[in-house]
Amino acid sequence: MIANTVVLALLAASVTLATPIPASSSGSSSRRSSGGSHASSLQKYTHFFSAHSSAAKSILPRVAATLDLPAVSDITSISHSSSDDATTFTRPIYAGNAIATVRAGKDIPLKVVTVRATSFAPLSGSGKEVSATEVAPVEDEAASSLTKHLETSVSTSDRPDLGTAKKVVSGGRALKNKETFQKTLDPLAEVLGAAVGASRAAVDAGYADNSLQVGQTGKIVAPELYVAVGISGAIQHLAGMKDSKMIVAINKDPDAPIFQVADAGLVADLYEAVPELVEKLK
């Protein structure tokens, strides 16, 4: 396994640099130079990790391109061979219907990787201590002249964070509008102590904020309980929640694809079923 981990904060993305390369490693100078002059400050590291967050998906490919290196995204497992200095990853492709195995050999001096956090168990307290260092943003006058910051809008909620919540209640396009979405799902989420999510169709229709989108192009979640309300179960949505421990689906269409992955399903009108469920849970 990879050791000697150093944790940094990079532009709001949690980034890990791991396994320093010994200065005496044979052939290290030629391997380090392949990343270009930008890699000089990182040449003692072999791995650059980040959670597969929205920020990281935007930043890490640019980091890899700047260093003239390939990047491996959304990995679900990792193994490292010290004998040949190669790291093997697995990552889902085709909306999770296939798993690709990617091997990064010693000819790649710095492996740039994003990790699907829900595929790994939390680190126990007995692990090796690591130090965290905050990195100040780089001031670039040329770049700053091209853009102008207008405002920062931050949404706050007393509910658990969607990405790490143990319980999630998600709604789909069947909820008609934003007001109905909130009126129907908020009481259920409140009584369950759950985070609220949404399908892409619901987000595109303006029912919910983009930060609540669950799916291939949204957040990947794997809670202990996932309640899908009025969600048909498009393959893009399933890719973001099918690893949930318990999936409950409420939909009036008995042929909805969501029932194929659900552990428990209720074929009913959600406007009748959800309020009744809330009353019984109180």
C-alpha atoms as a PDB file:
ATOM      1  CA  MET A   1       0.000   0.000   0.000  1.00  0.00           C
ATOM      2  CA  ILE A   2       1.018   3.599  -0.511  1.00  0.00           C
ATOM      3  CA  ALA A   3       2.538   5.222   2.550  1.00  0.00           C
ATOM      4  CA  ASN A   4       4.095   8.512   3.699  1.00  0.00           C
ATOM      5  CA  THR A   5       1.002  10.530   2.868  1.00  0.00           C
ATOM      6  CA  VAL A   6       0.982  14.311   2.871  1.00  0.00           C
ATOM      7  CA  VAL A   7      -2.387  16.057   2.703  1.00  0.00           C
ATOM      8  CA  LEU A   8      -2.838  19.482   1.138  1.00  0.00           C
ATOM      9  CA  ALA A   9      -5.818  21.722   0.392  1.00  0.00           C
ATOM     10  CA  LEU A  10      -5.868  22.782  -3.256  1.00  0.00           C
ATOM     11  CA  LEU A  11      -8.526  25.227  -4.412  1.00  0.00           C
ATOM     12  CA  ALA A  12     -11.232  23.715  -2.185  1.00  0.00           C
ATOM     13  CA  ALA A  13     -10.508  20.155  -3.374  1.00  0.00           C
ATOM     14  CA  SER A  14      -9.057  17.669  -0.888  1.00  0.00           C
ATOM     15  CA  VAL A  15      -5.805  16.575  -2.462  1.00  0.00           C
ATOM     16  CA  THR A  16      -3.289  13.981  -1.317  1.00  0.00           C
ATOM     17  CA  LEU A  17       0.299  13.658  -2.442  1.00  0.00           C
ATOM     18  CA  ALA A  18       1.714  10.257  -1.580  1.00  0.00           C
ATOM     19  CA  THR A  19       4.878   8.145  -1.497  1.00  0.00           C
ATOM     20  CA  PRO A  20       7.944  10.351  -1.946  1.00  0.00           C
ATOM     21  CA  ILE A  21      10.433   8.959  -4.479  1.00  0.00           C
ATOM     22  CA  PRO A  22      13.841   8.273  -2.913  1.00  0.00           C
ATOM     23  CA  ALA A  23      16.490  10.652  -4.217  1.00  0.00           C
ATOM     24  CA  SER A  24      18.727   7.703  -5.066  1.00  0.00           C
ATOM     25  CA  SER A  25      16.162   5.910  -7.255  1.00  0.00           C
ATOM     26  CA  SER A  26      17.757   4.723 -10.473  1.00  0.00           C
ATOM     27  CA  GLY A  27      16.540   6.507 -13.558  1.00  0.00           C
ATOM     28  CA  SER A  28      14.603   8.985 -11.432  1.00  0.00           C
ATOM     29  CA  SER A  29      15.972  12.071 -13.130  1.00  0.00           C
ATOM     30  CA  SER A  30      14.718  11.036 -16.575  1.00  0.00           C
ATOM     31  CA  ARG A  31      11.328  10.006 -15.168  1.00  0.00           C
ATOM     32  CA  ARG A  32      10.876  13.263 -13.298  1.00  0.00           C
ATOM     33  CA  SER A  33      11.696  15.411 -16.303  1.00  0.00           C
ATOM     34  CA  SER A  34       8.824  13.995 -18.379  1.00  0.00           C
ATOM     35  CA  GLY A  35       6.325  16.080 -16.419  1.00  0.00           C
ATOM     36  CA  GLY A  36       7.862  19.325 -17.737  1.00  0.00           C
ATOM     37  CA  SER A  37       9.250  22.250 -15.759  1.00  0.00           C
ATOM     38  CA  HIS A  38       5.972  22.636 -13.846  1.00  0.00           C
ATOM     39  CA  ALA A  39       6.555  19.293 -12.126  1.00  0.00           C
ATOM     40  CA  SER A  40       9.846  20.317 -10.505  1.00  0.00           C
ATOM     41  CA  SER A  41       8.195  21.174  -7.182  1.00  0.00           C
ATOM     42  CA  LEU A  42       6.312  17.841  -7.178  1.00  0.00           C
ATOM     43  CA  GLN A  43       9.132  15.591  -8.367  1.00  0.00           C
ATOM     44  CA  LYS A  44       9.545  13.877  -4.991  1.00  0.00           C
ATOM     45  CA  TYR A  45       5.976  12.531  -5.119  1.00  0.00           C
ATOM     46  CA  THR A  46       4.558   9.625  -7.095  1.00  0.00           C
ATOM     47  CA  HIS A  47       0.788   9.996  -6.526  1.00  0.00           C
ATOM     48  CA  PHE A  48      -1.585  12.978  -6.541  1.00  0.00           C
ATOM     49  CA  PHE A  49      -5.028  12.050  -5.128  1.00  0.00           C
ATOM     50  CA  SER A  50      -8.290  13.930  -4.769  1.00  0.00           C
ATOM     51  CA  ALA A  51     -11.893  13.060  -3.993  1.00  0.00           C
ATOM     52  CA  HIS A  52     -13.988  12.905  -7.181  1.00  0.00           C
ATOM     53  CA  SER A  53     -15.825  16.127  -6.335  1.00  0.00           C
ATOM     54  CA  SER A  54     -17.178  18.760  -8.713  1.00  0.00           C
ATOM     55  CA  ALA A  55     -14.176  20.986  -8.029  1.00  0.00           C
ATOM     56  CA  ALA A  56     -11.686  18.166  -8.539  1.00  0.00           C
ATOM     57  CA  LYS A  57     -13.332  17.057 -11.788  1.00  0.00           C
ATOM     58  CA  SER A  58     -12.712  20.565 -13.081  1.00  0.00           C
ATOM     59  CA  ILE A  59      -9.249  21.158 -11.594  1.00  0.00           C
ATOM     60  CA  LEU A  60      -7.386  17.846 -11.743  1.00  0.00           C
ATOM     61  CA  PRO A  61      -7.506  17.351 -15.556  1.00  0.00           C
ATOM     62  CA  ARG A  62      -6.004  20.829 -15.902  1.00  0.00           C
ATOM     63  CA  VAL A  63      -3.312  19.975 -13.366  1.00  0.00           C
ATOM     64  CA  ALA A  64      -2.451  16.811 -15.295  1.00  0.00           C
ATOM     65  CA  ALA A  65      -2.387  18.655 -18.622  1.00  0.00           C
ATOM     66  CA  THR A  66      -0.158  21.375 -17.177  1.00  0.00           C
ATOM     67  CA  LEU A  67       2.272  18.715 -15.979  1.00  0.00           C
ATOM     68  CA  ASP A  68       1.995  16.862 -19.313  1.00  0.00           C
ATOM     69  CA  LEU A  69       0.712  13.760 -17.546  1.00  0.00           C
ATOM     70  CA  PRO A  70      -2.275  11.409 -17.950  1.00  0.00           C
ATOM     71  CA  ALA A  71      -5.042  11.370 -15.318  1.00  0.00           C
ATOM     72  CA  VAL A  72      -7.172   8.532 -13.943  1.00  0.00           C
ATOM     73  CA  SER A  73     -10.622   9.561 -12.725  1.00  0.00           C
ATOM     74  CA  ASP A  74     -13.262   8.128 -10.392  1.00  0.00           C
ATOM     75  CA  ILE A  75     -11.324   5.066  -9.218  1.00  0.00           C
ATOM     76  CA  THR A  76     -13.032   2.438  -7.053  1.00  0.00           C
ATOM     77  CA  SER A  77      -9.991   0.337  -6.071  1.00  0.00           C
ATOM     78  CA  ILE A  78      -6.228   0.643  -6.014  1.00  0.00           C
ATOM     79  CA  SER A  79      -3.223  -1.652  -5.635  1.00  0.00           C
ATOM     80  CA  HIS A  80       0.457  -0.734  -5.779  1.00  0.00           C
ATOM     81  CA  SER A  81       3.432  -2.900  -6.659  1.00  0.00           C
ATOM     82  CA  SER A  82       6.676  -1.732  -5.117  1.00  0.00           C
ATOM     83  CA  SER A  83       8.731  -4.154  -7.208  1.00  0.00           C
ATOM     84  CA  ASP A  84       7.982  -2.435 -10.517  1.00  0.00           C
ATOM     85  CA  ASP A  85       6.672   0.876  -9.120  1.00  0.00           C
ATOM     86  CA  ALA A  86       3.324   0.415 -10.901  1.00  0.00           C
ATOM     87  CA  THR A  87      -0.158   1.211  -9.617  1.00  0.00           C
ATOM     88  CA  THR A  88      -3.305  -0.543 -10.822  1.00  0.00           C
ATOM     89  CA  PHE A  89      -6.736   1.083 -10.556  1.00  0.00           C
ATOM     90  CA  THR A  90     -10.290   0.065 -11.400  1.00  0.00           C
ATOM     91  CA  ARG A  91     -12.904   2.595 -12.498  1.00  0.00           C
ATOM     92  CA  PRO A  92     -16.499   2.291 -13.733  1.00  0.00           C
ATOM     93  CA  ILE A  93     -17.326   3.066 -17.371  1.00  0.00           C
ATOM     94  CA  TYR A  94     -20.548   3.075 -19.413  1.00  0.00           C
ATOM     95  CA  ALA A  95     -22.563   4.421 -16.451  1.00  0.00           C
ATOM     96  CA  GLY A  96     -21.202   1.675 -14.202  1.00  0.00           C
ATOM     97  CA  ASN A  97     -22.148  -1.222 -16.490  1.00  0.00           C
ATOM     98  CA  ALA A  98     -18.503  -2.176 -17.007  1.00  0.00           C
ATOM     99  CA  ILE A  99     -15.315  -1.886 -14.960  1.00  0.00           C
ATOM    100  CA  ALA A 100     -12.048  -0.804 -16.571  1.00  0.00           C
ATOM    101  CA  THR A 101      -8.671  -1.816 -15.131  1.00  0.00           C
ATOM    102  CA  VAL A 102      -6.011   0.861 -15.611  1.00  0.00           C
ATOM    103  CA  ARG A 103      -2.309   0.279 -14.926  1.00  0.00           C
ATOM    104  CA  ALA A 104       0.013   3.242 -14.465  1.00  0.00           C
ATOM    105  CA  GLY A 105       3.625   2.129 -14.760  1.00  0.00           C
ATOM    106  CA  LYS A 106       6.874   3.626 -13.536  1.00  0.00           C
ATOM    107  CA  ASP A 107       7.211   5.602 -16.772  1.00  0.00           C
ATOM    108  CA  ILE A 108       4.512   7.927 -15.379  1.00  0.00           C
ATOM    109  CA  PRO A 109       6.392   9.919 -12.704  1.00  0.00           C
ATOM    110  CA  LEU A 110       3.266  11.338 -11.050  1.00  0.00           C
ATOM    111  CA  LYS A 111      -0.102   9.537 -11.072  1.00  0.00           C
ATOM    112  CA  VAL A 112      -2.940  12.087 -11.006  1.00  0.00           C
ATOM    113  CA  VAL A 113      -6.034  10.382  -9.624  1.00  0.00           C
ATOM    114  CA  THR A 114      -9.562  11.186  -8.426  1.00  0.00           C
ATOM    115  CA  VAL A 115     -11.239   8.750  -6.037  1.00  0.00           C
ATOM    116  CA  ARG A 116     -14.885   7.729  -5.657  1.00  0.00           C
ATOM    117  CA  ALA A 117     -15.091   8.202  -1.904  1.00  0.00           C
ATOM    118  CA  THR A 118     -18.129   5.968  -1.449  1.00  0.00           C
ATOM    119  CA  SER A 119     -16.102   2.956  -2.635  1.00  0.00           C
ATOM    120  CA  PHE A 120     -13.725   3.122   0.324  1.00  0.00           C
ATOM    121  CA  ALA A 121     -14.381   2.648   4.022  1.00  0.00           C
ATOM    122  CA  PRO A 122     -13.516   5.590   6.317  1.00  0.00           C
ATOM    123  CA  LEU A 123      -9.966   5.527   7.656  1.00  0.00           C
ATOM    124  CA  SER A 124      -9.781   4.157  11.189  1.00  0.00           C
ATOM    125  CA  GLY A 125      -8.227   6.157  13.986  1.00  0.00           C
ATOM    126  CA  SER A 126      -5.304   3.735  14.162  1.00  0.00           C
ATOM    127  CA  GLY A 127      -3.917   4.923  10.821  1.00  0.00           C
ATOM    128  CA  LYS A 128      -0.714   6.893  10.421  1.00  0.00           C
ATOM    129  CA  GLU A 129      -0.963  10.570  11.287  1.00  0.00           C
ATOM    130  CA  VAL A 130      -0.709  13.000   8.378  1.00  0.00           C
ATOM    131  CA  SER A 131      -0.120  16.727   8.306  1.00  0.00           C
ATOM    132  CA  ALA A 132      -2.349  19.186   6.477  1.00  0.00           C
ATOM    133  CA  THR A 133      -1.056  22.346   4.836  1.00  0.00           C
ATOM    134  CA  GLU A 134      -3.199  25.064   3.318  1.00  0.00           C
ATOM    135  CA  VAL A 135      -1.966  26.294  -0.043  1.00  0.00           C
ATOM    136  CA  ALA A 136      -2.513  29.966  -0.831  1.00  0.00           C
ATOM    137  CA  PRO A 137      -4.031  30.734  -4.258  1.00  0.00           C
ATOM    138  CA  VAL A 138      -1.638  31.919  -6.947  1.00  0.00           C
ATOM    139  CA  GLU A 139      -2.152  35.499  -8.051  1.00  0.00           C
ATOM    140  CA  ASP A 140      -2.181  35.756 -11.838  1.00  0.00           C
ATOM    141  CA  GLU A 141      -2.720  39.304 -13.111  1.00  0.00           C
ATOM    142  CA  ALA A 142      -3.142  38.164 -16.737  1.00  0.00           C
ATOM    143  CA  ALA A 143      -5.848  35.652 -15.816  1.00  0.00           C
ATOM    144  CA  SER A 144      -7.623  37.969 -13.376  1.00  0.00           C
ATOM    145  CA  SER A 145      -8.042  40.600 -16.075  1.00  0.00           C
ATOM    146  CA  LEU A 146     -10.131  38.171 -18.148  1.00  0.00           C
ATOM    147  CA  THR A 147     -12.711  37.417 -15.467  1.00  0.00           C
ATOM    148  CA  LYS A 148     -14.583  39.376 -12.834  1.00  0.00           C
ATOM    149  CA  HIS A 149     -16.074  37.994  -9.627  1.00  0.00           C
ATOM    150  CA  LEU A 150     -19.648  39.214  -9.226  1.00  0.00           C
ATOM    151  CA  GLU A 151     -20.901  37.393  -6.154  1.00  0.00           C
ATOM    152  CA  THR A 152     -20.697  34.205  -4.129  1.00  0.00           C
ATOM    153  CA  SER A 153     -23.982  32.463  -3.385  1.00  0.00           C
ATOM    154  CA  VAL A 154     -23.815  29.796  -0.686  1.00  0.00           C
ATOM    155  CA  SER A 155     -26.794  27.642   0.211  1.00  0.00           C
ATOM    156  CA  THR A 156     -26.967  26.446   3.806  1.00  0.00           C
ATOM    157  CA  SER A 157     -28.982  23.626   5.318  1.00  0.00           C
ATOM    158  CA  ASP A 158     -29.375  21.935   8.679  1.00  0.00           C
ATOM    159  CA  ARG A 159     -29.667  18.567   6.953  1.00  0.00           C
ATOM    160  CA  PRO A 160     -26.747  16.152   6.427  1.00  0.00           C
ATOM    161  CA  ASP A 161     -24.457  16.710   3.462  1.00  0.00           C
ATOM    162  CA  LEU A 162     -25.718  14.784   0.434  1.00  0.00           C
ATOM    163  CA  GLY A 163     -22.345  13.245  -0.364  1.00  0.00           C
ATOM    164  CA  THR A 164     -21.820  11.736   3.085  1.00  0.00           C
ATOM    165  CA  ALA A 165     -25.372  11.294   4.446  1.00  0.00           C
ATOM    166  CA  LYS A 166     -26.406   7.863   5.759  1.00  0.00           C
ATOM    167  CA  LYS A 167     -29.959   8.456   4.537  1.00  0.00           C
ATOM    168  CA  VAL A 168     -31.043  10.177   1.325  1.00  0.00           C
ATOM    169  CA  VAL A 169     -34.489  11.070   0.000  1.00  0.00           C
ATOM    170  CA  SER A 170     -34.505  11.933  -3.714  1.00  0.00           C
ATOM    171  CA  GLY A 171     -37.246  13.219  -5.964  1.00  0.00           C
ATOM    172  CA  GLY A 172     -37.805  13.138  -9.702  1.00  0.00           C
ATOM    173  CA  ARG A 173     -39.670  14.973 -12.431  1.00  0.00           C
ATOM    174  CA  ALA A 174     -43.009  13.546 -11.227  1.00  0.00           C
ATOM    175  CA  LEU A 175     -43.004  16.162  -8.443  1.00  0.00           C
ATOM    176  CA  LYS A 176     -44.217  18.777 -10.976  1.00  0.00           C
ATOM    177  CA  ASN A 177     -42.528  21.943  -9.651  1.00  0.00           C
ATOM    178  CA  LYS A 178     -40.141  23.360  -7.042  1.00  0.00           C
ATOM    179  CA  GLU A 179     -42.841  24.092  -4.472  1.00  0.00           C
ATOM    180  CA  THR A 180     -44.307  20.585  -4.707  1.00  0.00           C
ATOM    181  CA  PHE A 181     -40.809  19.081  -4.587  1.00  0.00           C
ATOM    182  CA  GLN A 182     -40.038  20.792  -1.285  1.00  0.00           C
ATOM    183  CA  LYS A 183     -43.510  20.338   0.203  1.00  0.00           C
ATOM    184  CA  THR A 184     -43.459  16.596  -0.506  1.00  0.00           C
ATOM    185  CA  LEU A 185     -39.859  15.627   0.242  1.00  0.00           C
ATOM    186  CA  ASP A 186     -38.868  17.967   3.076  1.00  0.00           C
ATOM    187  CA  PRO A 187     -41.197  16.413   5.701  1.00  0.00           C
ATOM    188  CA  LEU A 188     -39.997  12.899   4.814  1.00  0.00           C
ATOM    189  CA  ALA A 189     -36.352  13.961   4.926  1.00  0.00           C
ATOM    190  CA  GLU A 190     -36.975  15.726   8.242  1.00  0.00           C
ATOM    191  CA  VAL A 191     -38.540  12.708   9.946  1.00  0.00           C
ATOM    192  CA  LEU A 192     -35.810  10.379   8.629  1.00  0.00           C
ATOM    193  CA  GLY A 193     -32.936  12.757   9.353  1.00  0.00           C
ATOM    194  CA  ALA A 194     -31.967  12.426   5.695  1.00  0.00           C
ATOM    195  CA  ALA A 195     -30.356  14.569   3.040  1.00  0.00           C
ATOM    196  CA  VAL A 196     -32.394  15.603   0.004  1.00  0.00           C
ATOM    197  CA  GLY A 197     -31.332  14.681  -3.515  1.00  0.00           C
ATOM    198  CA  ALA A 198     -32.814  14.970  -6.993  1.00  0.00           C
ATOM    199  CA  SER A 199     -32.676  13.347 -10.397  1.00  0.00           C
ATOM    200  CA  ARG A 200     -31.196  15.230 -13.322  1.00  0.00           C
ATOM    201  CA  ALA A 201     -34.663  15.697 -14.799  1.00  0.00           C
ATOM    202  CA  ALA A 202     -35.815  17.407 -11.589  1.00  0.00           C
ATOM    203  CA  VAL A 203     -32.729  19.638 -11.524  1.00  0.00           C
ATOM    204  CA  ASP A 204     -33.058  20.573 -15.210  1.00  0.00           C
ATOM    205  CA  ALA A 205     -36.714  21.445 -14.613  1.00  0.00           C
ATOM    206  CA  GLY A 206     -35.706  23.797 -11.795  1.00  0.00           C
ATOM    207  CA  TYR A 207     -37.224  21.795  -8.940  1.00  0.00           C
ATOM    208  CA  ALA A 208     -33.930  21.546  -7.056  1.00  0.00           C
ATOM    209  CA  ASP A 209     -30.478  23.103  -6.993  1.00  0.00           C
ATOM    210  CA  ASN A 210     -27.747  21.554  -9.128  1.00  0.00           C
ATOM    211  CA  SER A 211     -25.796  20.663  -5.967  1.00  0.00           C
ATOM    212  CA  LEU A 212     -28.531  18.138  -5.097  1.00  0.00           C
ATOM    213  CA  GLN A 213     -28.264  16.163  -8.335  1.00  0.00           C
ATOM    214  CA  VAL A 214     -27.562  12.457  -7.908  1.00  0.00           C
ATOM    215  CA  GLY A 215     -26.279  10.495 -10.868  1.00  0.00           C
ATOM    216  CA  GLN A 216     -23.517  10.043 -13.389  1.00  0.00           C
ATOM    217  CA  THR A 217     -23.167  13.791 -13.968  1.00  0.00           C
ATOM    218  CA  GLY A 218     -24.015  14.684 -10.359  1.00  0.00           C
ATOM    219  CA  LYS A 219     -22.997  13.234  -7.020  1.00  0.00           C
ATOM    220  CA  ILE A 220     -22.241   9.571  -6.419  1.00  0.00           C
ATOM    221  CA  VAL A 221     -23.826   8.442  -3.148  1.00  0.00           C
ATOM    222  CA  ALA A 222     -23.945   5.155  -1.264  1.00  0.00           C
ATOM    223  CA  PRO A 223     -26.033   5.724   1.875  1.00  0.00           C
ATOM    224  CA  GLU A 224     -27.484   3.070   4.145  1.00  0.00           C
ATOM    225  CA  LEU A 225     -30.963   4.103   2.962  1.00  0.00           C
ATOM    226  CA  TYR A 226     -31.903   5.663  -0.372  1.00  0.00           C
ATOM    227  CA  VAL A 227     -35.551   6.582  -0.964  1.00  0.00           C
ATOM    228  CA  ALA A 228     -36.405   7.351  -4.610  1.00  0.00           C
ATOM    229  CA  VAL A 229     -39.690   9.248  -4.912  1.00  0.00           C
ATOM    230  CA  GLY A 230     -41.162   9.674  -8.381  1.00  0.00           C
ATOM    231  CA  ILE A 231     -37.898   8.682 -10.059  1.00  0.00           C
ATOM    232  CA  SER A 232     -38.218   6.393 -13.077  1.00  0.00           C
ATOM    233  CA  GLY A 233     -34.651   5.072 -12.796  1.00  0.00           C
ATOM    234  CA  ALA A 234     -32.741   6.250 -15.866  1.00  0.00           C
ATOM    235  CA  ILE A 235     -29.351   4.559 -16.195  1.00  0.00           C
ATOM    236  CA  GLN A 236     -27.564   7.875 -15.529  1.00  0.00           C
ATOM    237  CA  HIS A 237     -29.347   8.176 -12.173  1.00  0.00           C
ATOM    238  CA  LEU A 238     -28.766   4.551 -11.212  1.00  0.00           C
ATOM    239  CA  ALA A 239     -25.032   5.031 -11.756  1.00  0.00           C
ATOM    240  CA  GLY A 240     -25.028   7.518  -8.888  1.00  0.00           C
ATOM    241  CA  MET A 241     -26.954   5.552  -6.268  1.00  0.00           C
ATOM    242  CA  LYS A 242     -27.009   1.833  -7.054  1.00  0.00           C
ATOM    243  CA  ASP A 243     -24.360   1.087  -4.407  1.00  0.00           C
ATOM    244  CA  SER A 244     -26.764   2.187  -1.650  1.00  0.00           C
ATOM    245  CA  LYS A 245     -27.244  -0.469   1.035  1.00  0.00           C
ATOM    246  CA  MET A 246     -31.070  -0.251   0.969  1.00  0.00           C
ATOM    247  CA  ILE A 247     -33.024   1.232  -1.943  1.00  0.00           C
ATOM    248  CA  VAL A 248     -36.715   2.059  -1.530  1.00  0.00           C
ATOM    249  CA  ALA A 249     -38.696   3.180  -4.581  1.00  0.00           C
ATOM    250  CA  ILE A 250     -42.098   4.873  -4.691  1.00  0.00           C
ATOM    251  CA  ASN A 251     -43.579   5.154  -8.175  1.00  0.00           C
ATOM    252  CA  LYS A 252     -47.028   4.634  -9.660  1.00  0.00           C
ATOM    253  CA  ASP A 253     -45.567   2.959 -12.770  1.00  0.00           C
ATOM    254  CA  PRO A 254     -44.990  -0.734 -11.971  1.00  0.00           C
ATOM    255  CA  ASP A 255     -42.670  -1.048 -14.982  1.00  0.00           C
ATOM    256  CA  ALA A 256     -40.338   1.787 -13.917  1.00  0.00           C
ATOM    257  CA  PRO A 257     -36.666   0.690 -14.169  1.00  0.00           C
ATOM    258  CA  ILE A 258     -36.044   1.864 -10.591  1.00  0.00           C
ATOM    259  CA  PHE A 259     -37.855  -1.233  -9.310  1.00  0.00           C
ATOM    260  CA  GLN A 260     -35.214  -3.458 -10.914  1.00  0.00           C
ATOM    261  CA  VAL A 261     -32.586  -2.235  -8.429  1.00  0.00           C
ATOM    262  CA  ALA A 262     -34.871  -1.466  -5.483  1.00  0.00           C
ATOM    263  CA  ASP A 263     -34.795  -3.647  -2.372  1.00  0.00           C
ATOM    264  CA  ALA A 264     -38.334  -2.509  -1.550  1.00  0.00           C
ATOM    265  CA  GLY A 265     -40.851  -0.955  -3.912  1.00  0.00           C
ATOM    266  CA  LEU A 266     -44.239   0.672  -3.495  1.00  0.00           C
ATOM    267  CA  VAL A 267     -46.449   1.074  -6.559  1.00  0.00           C
ATOM    268  CA  ALA A 268     -48.602   3.989  -5.500  1.00  0.00           C
ATOM    269  CA  ASP A 269     -49.386   7.660  -6.038  1.00  0.00           C
ATOM    270  CA  LEU A 270     -46.532   9.487  -4.305  1.00  0.00           C
ATOM    271  CA  TYR A 271     -48.850  12.322  -3.241  1.00  0.00           C
ATOM    272  CA  GLU A 272     -50.784   9.837  -1.136  1.00  0.00           C
ATOM    273  CA  ALA A 273     -47.984   7.463  -0.147  1.00  0.00           C
ATOM    274  CA  VAL A 274     -45.415   9.992   1.085  1.00  0.00           C
ATOM    275  CA  PRO A 275     -47.688  11.911   3.509  1.00  0.00           C
ATOM    276  CA  GLU A 276     -48.971   8.615   4.896  1.00  0.00           C
ATOM    277  CA  LEU A 277     -45.402   7.372   5.331  1.00  0.00           C
ATOM    278  CA  VAL A 278     -44.443  10.563   7.151  1.00  0.00           C
ATOM    279  CA  GLU A 279     -47.341  10.179   9.574  1.00  0.00           C
ATOM    280  CA  LYS A 280     -46.414   6.567  10.357  1.00  0.00           C
ATOM    281  CA  LEU A 281     -42.747   7.498  10.916  1.00  0.00           C
ATOM    282  CA  LYS A 282     -43.487  10.299  13.369  1.00  0.00           C
END
